[in-house]
Amino acid sequence: MQAVFTFGVKKGATIGANATIICGNDIGRYAFIGAGAVVTKDVPDYALMVGNPATQVGWVCECGERLDDDMKCAGCGKHIRIRE
């Protein structure tokens, strides 16, 4: 039986200019990687990541807007639920 690997960039993810993704790390659905960030570990869905090494500084909506503390988007009004 062959092993199946699912590493990669998931649907809707955004990766900024000159960002570096270390091999073997997943970028979650609709995650946003800031320009120049260095991703050294898996990124959860909807996470906003910046820096070197990349750290999570917030959450983003599917439309690209930053979410407020209640995980509600001011742009489109969606409420995002994050699964652990």
N, C-alpha and C. Protein backbone atom coordinates (compact mmCIF):
# COMPACT_ATOMS: atom_id res chain seq x y z
N MET A 1 0.83 -1.17 0.00
CA MET A 1 0.00 0.00 0.00
C MET A 1 0.89 1.25 0.00
N GLN A 2 0.50 2.25 -0.81
CA GLN A 2 1.27 3.48 -0.92
C GLN A 2 0.79 4.52 0.08
N ALA A 3 1.72 5.28 0.61
CA ALA A 3 1.37 6.38 1.52
C ALA A 3 0.83 7.54 0.69
N VAL A 4 -0.15 8.25 1.23
CA VAL A 4 -0.73 9.40 0.55
C VAL A 4 -0.38 10.64 1.36
N PHE A 5 0.25 11.60 0.70
CA PHE A 5 0.63 12.84 1.36
C PHE A 5 -0.29 13.95 0.89
N THR A 6 -0.77 14.77 1.81
CA THR A 6 -1.69 15.84 1.45
C THR A 6 -1.13 17.22 1.77
N PHE A 7 0.19 17.34 1.78
CA PHE A 7 0.81 18.64 2.04
C PHE A 7 0.48 19.59 0.91
N GLY A 8 0.38 20.85 1.22
CA GLY A 8 0.20 21.81 0.16
C GLY A 8 -0.56 23.04 0.57
N VAL A 9 -0.92 23.79 -0.45
CA VAL A 9 -1.67 25.02 -0.27
C VAL A 9 -3.14 24.71 -0.54
N LYS A 10 -3.97 24.99 0.44
CA LYS A 10 -5.40 24.67 0.34
C LYS A 10 -6.17 25.78 -0.37
N LYS A 11 -7.43 25.50 -0.68
CA LYS A 11 -8.31 26.38 -1.41
C LYS A 11 -8.36 27.78 -0.79
N GLY A 12 -8.20 28.79 -1.63
CA GLY A 12 -8.38 30.18 -1.23
C GLY A 12 -7.23 30.81 -0.48
N ALA A 13 -6.15 30.07 -0.24
CA ALA A 13 -5.01 30.64 0.50
C ALA A 13 -4.33 31.73 -0.33
N THR A 14 -3.80 32.74 0.37
CA THR A 14 -3.08 33.84 -0.27
C THR A 14 -1.66 33.88 0.28
N ILE A 15 -0.69 33.93 -0.63
CA ILE A 15 0.72 33.99 -0.22
C ILE A 15 1.33 35.26 -0.80
N GLY A 16 1.83 36.11 0.10
CA GLY A 16 2.40 37.39 -0.31
C GLY A 16 3.73 37.25 -1.03
N ALA A 17 4.14 38.32 -1.67
CA ALA A 17 5.39 38.36 -2.43
C ALA A 17 6.59 38.02 -1.55
N ASN A 18 7.49 37.22 -2.08
CA ASN A 18 8.75 36.85 -1.45
C ASN A 18 8.58 36.06 -0.15
N ALA A 19 7.39 35.50 0.07
CA ALA A 19 7.20 34.63 1.23
C ALA A 19 7.89 33.30 0.95
N THR A 20 8.37 32.65 2.00
CA THR A 20 9.03 31.36 1.87
C THR A 20 8.25 30.34 2.68
N ILE A 21 7.89 29.23 2.03
CA ILE A 21 7.18 28.14 2.71
C ILE A 21 8.15 26.96 2.78
N ILE A 22 8.54 26.56 3.98
CA ILE A 22 9.44 25.43 4.14
C ILE A 22 8.69 24.15 3.73
N CYS A 23 9.35 23.30 2.97
CA CYS A 23 8.74 22.07 2.45
C CYS A 23 8.08 21.25 3.55
N GLY A 24 6.95 20.64 3.21
CA GLY A 24 6.25 19.74 4.11
C GLY A 24 5.22 20.41 4.99
N ASN A 25 5.04 21.72 4.85
CA ASN A 25 4.07 22.44 5.66
C ASN A 25 2.80 22.72 4.88
N ASP A 26 1.65 22.57 5.54
CA ASP A 26 0.36 22.88 4.94
C ASP A 26 0.00 24.34 5.16
N ILE A 27 -0.62 24.92 4.17
CA ILE A 27 -1.21 26.24 4.29
C ILE A 27 -2.71 26.02 4.23
N GLY A 28 -3.41 26.34 5.32
CA GLY A 28 -4.84 26.06 5.44
C GLY A 28 -5.71 26.86 4.49
N ARG A 29 -6.99 26.45 4.42
CA ARG A 29 -7.97 27.12 3.57
C ARG A 29 -8.09 28.59 3.97
N TYR A 30 -8.07 29.45 2.97
CA TYR A 30 -8.24 30.89 3.11
C TYR A 30 -7.24 31.56 4.06
N ALA A 31 -6.14 30.88 4.36
CA ALA A 31 -5.09 31.49 5.18
C ALA A 31 -4.42 32.61 4.38
N PHE A 32 -3.85 33.57 5.09
CA PHE A 32 -3.18 34.70 4.46
C PHE A 32 -1.76 34.78 4.99
N ILE A 33 -0.78 34.61 4.10
CA ILE A 33 0.63 34.68 4.45
C ILE A 33 1.16 36.03 3.98
N GLY A 34 1.64 36.85 4.89
CA GLY A 34 2.12 38.18 4.54
C GLY A 34 3.39 38.16 3.71
N ALA A 35 3.62 39.22 2.98
CA ALA A 35 4.81 39.35 2.14
C ALA A 35 6.08 39.19 2.98
N GLY A 36 7.00 38.38 2.50
CA GLY A 36 8.28 38.17 3.16
C GLY A 36 8.25 37.22 4.34
N ALA A 37 7.09 36.68 4.69
CA ALA A 37 7.00 35.76 5.83
C ALA A 37 7.74 34.46 5.53
N VAL A 38 8.25 33.82 6.57
CA VAL A 38 8.92 32.53 6.44
C VAL A 38 8.12 31.52 7.26
N VAL A 39 7.38 30.65 6.57
CA VAL A 39 6.50 29.69 7.22
C VAL A 39 7.29 28.43 7.54
N THR A 40 7.41 28.11 8.84
CA THR A 40 8.21 26.97 9.29
C THR A 40 7.35 25.86 9.90
N LYS A 41 6.02 26.06 9.96
CA LYS A 41 5.13 25.04 10.49
C LYS A 41 3.77 25.17 9.81
N ASP A 42 2.91 24.18 10.00
CA ASP A 42 1.59 24.20 9.39
C ASP A 42 0.82 25.45 9.79
N VAL A 43 0.01 25.95 8.85
CA VAL A 43 -0.79 27.15 9.08
C VAL A 43 -2.27 26.73 9.11
N PRO A 44 -3.00 27.09 10.17
CA PRO A 44 -4.42 26.71 10.23
C PRO A 44 -5.28 27.46 9.23
N ASP A 45 -6.48 26.95 8.96
CA ASP A 45 -7.45 27.63 8.11
C ASP A 45 -7.70 29.03 8.65
N TYR A 46 -7.84 29.99 7.75
CA TYR A 46 -8.19 31.39 8.04
C TYR A 46 -7.15 32.16 8.86
N ALA A 47 -5.96 31.62 9.07
CA ALA A 47 -4.95 32.30 9.87
C ALA A 47 -4.27 33.42 9.08
N LEU A 48 -3.93 34.50 9.78
CA LEU A 48 -3.15 35.60 9.23
C LEU A 48 -1.75 35.49 9.81
N MET A 49 -0.75 35.23 8.95
CA MET A 49 0.61 34.95 9.38
C MET A 49 1.57 36.00 8.82
N VAL A 50 2.48 36.50 9.69
CA VAL A 50 3.49 37.47 9.25
C VAL A 50 4.81 37.21 9.97
N GLY A 51 5.90 37.71 9.41
CA GLY A 51 7.19 37.68 10.09
C GLY A 51 8.10 36.53 9.74
N ASN A 52 9.27 36.54 10.42
CA ASN A 52 10.30 35.52 10.23
C ASN A 52 10.83 35.10 11.59
N PRO A 53 10.47 33.89 12.06
CA PRO A 53 9.53 32.95 11.44
C PRO A 53 8.10 33.47 11.54
N ALA A 54 7.24 32.99 10.65
CA ALA A 54 5.86 33.45 10.61
C ALA A 54 5.13 33.11 11.90
N THR A 55 4.43 34.08 12.43
CA THR A 55 3.58 33.87 13.60
C THR A 55 2.18 34.37 13.28
N GLN A 56 1.21 33.77 13.93
CA GLN A 56 -0.17 34.15 13.69
C GLN A 56 -0.51 35.42 14.46
N VAL A 57 -1.04 36.42 13.73
CA VAL A 57 -1.39 37.70 14.35
C VAL A 57 -2.89 37.98 14.29
N GLY A 58 -3.64 37.05 13.71
CA GLY A 58 -5.09 37.23 13.62
C GLY A 58 -5.71 36.21 12.70
N TRP A 59 -6.93 36.51 12.30
CA TRP A 59 -7.72 35.64 11.43
C TRP A 59 -8.27 36.47 10.28
N VAL A 60 -8.49 35.82 9.12
CA VAL A 60 -9.06 36.50 7.96
C VAL A 60 -10.27 35.74 7.43
N CYS A 61 -11.16 36.47 6.78
CA CYS A 61 -12.37 35.91 6.19
C CYS A 61 -12.04 35.37 4.79
N GLU A 62 -12.99 34.64 4.22
CA GLU A 62 -12.84 34.14 2.86
C GLU A 62 -12.74 35.29 1.86
N CYS A 63 -13.32 36.46 2.21
CA CYS A 63 -13.27 37.61 1.30
C CYS A 63 -11.97 38.40 1.46
N GLY A 64 -11.11 38.02 2.43
CA GLY A 64 -9.82 38.66 2.60
C GLY A 64 -9.76 39.71 3.69
N GLU A 65 -10.89 40.05 4.29
CA GLU A 65 -10.91 41.03 5.38
C GLU A 65 -10.46 40.41 6.69
N ARG A 66 -9.83 41.21 7.53
CA ARG A 66 -9.43 40.74 8.86
C ARG A 66 -10.68 40.60 9.74
N LEU A 67 -10.74 39.50 10.51
CA LEU A 67 -11.89 39.25 11.38
C LEU A 67 -11.74 39.98 12.70
N ASP A 68 -12.88 40.37 13.30
CA ASP A 68 -12.84 41.00 14.61
C ASP A 68 -12.75 39.92 15.69
N ASP A 69 -12.77 40.32 16.95
CA ASP A 69 -12.62 39.36 18.06
C ASP A 69 -13.74 38.33 18.12
N ASP A 70 -14.91 38.65 17.55
CA ASP A 70 -16.04 37.72 17.54
C ASP A 70 -16.03 36.82 16.32
N MET A 71 -14.94 36.89 15.53
CA MET A 71 -14.77 36.10 14.29
C MET A 71 -15.84 36.45 13.25
N LYS A 72 -16.27 37.71 13.26
CA LYS A 72 -17.23 38.20 12.28
C LYS A 72 -16.54 39.17 11.34
N CYS A 73 -16.87 39.05 10.06
CA CYS A 73 -16.26 39.89 9.03
C CYS A 73 -17.05 41.19 8.86
N ALA A 74 -16.36 42.30 8.95
CA ALA A 74 -17.00 43.60 8.74
C ALA A 74 -17.32 43.82 7.26
N GLY A 75 -16.58 43.15 6.38
CA GLY A 75 -16.77 43.33 4.94
C GLY A 75 -18.00 42.64 4.39
N CYS A 76 -18.13 41.34 4.64
CA CYS A 76 -19.23 40.57 4.06
C CYS A 76 -20.24 40.08 5.09
N GLY A 77 -19.93 40.22 6.38
CA GLY A 77 -20.86 39.84 7.43
C GLY A 77 -20.83 38.38 7.84
N LYS A 78 -19.96 37.57 7.22
CA LYS A 78 -19.89 36.16 7.59
C LYS A 78 -19.32 35.99 8.98
N HIS A 79 -19.77 34.93 9.64
CA HIS A 79 -19.23 34.54 10.94
C HIS A 79 -18.46 33.25 10.72
N ILE A 80 -17.17 33.24 11.01
CA ILE A 80 -16.30 32.10 10.74
C ILE A 80 -16.14 31.28 12.03
N ARG A 81 -16.32 29.97 11.91
CA ARG A 81 -16.07 29.06 13.03
C ARG A 81 -14.79 28.29 12.76
N ILE A 82 -13.88 28.34 13.70
CA ILE A 82 -12.59 27.66 13.56
C ILE A 82 -12.67 26.33 14.28
N ARG A 83 -12.34 25.26 13.58
CA ARG A 83 -12.30 23.93 14.19
C ARG A 83 -10.89 23.63 14.64
N GLU A 84 -10.75 23.15 15.84
CA GLU A 84 -9.43 22.79 16.39
C GLU A 84 -9.00 21.45 15.85
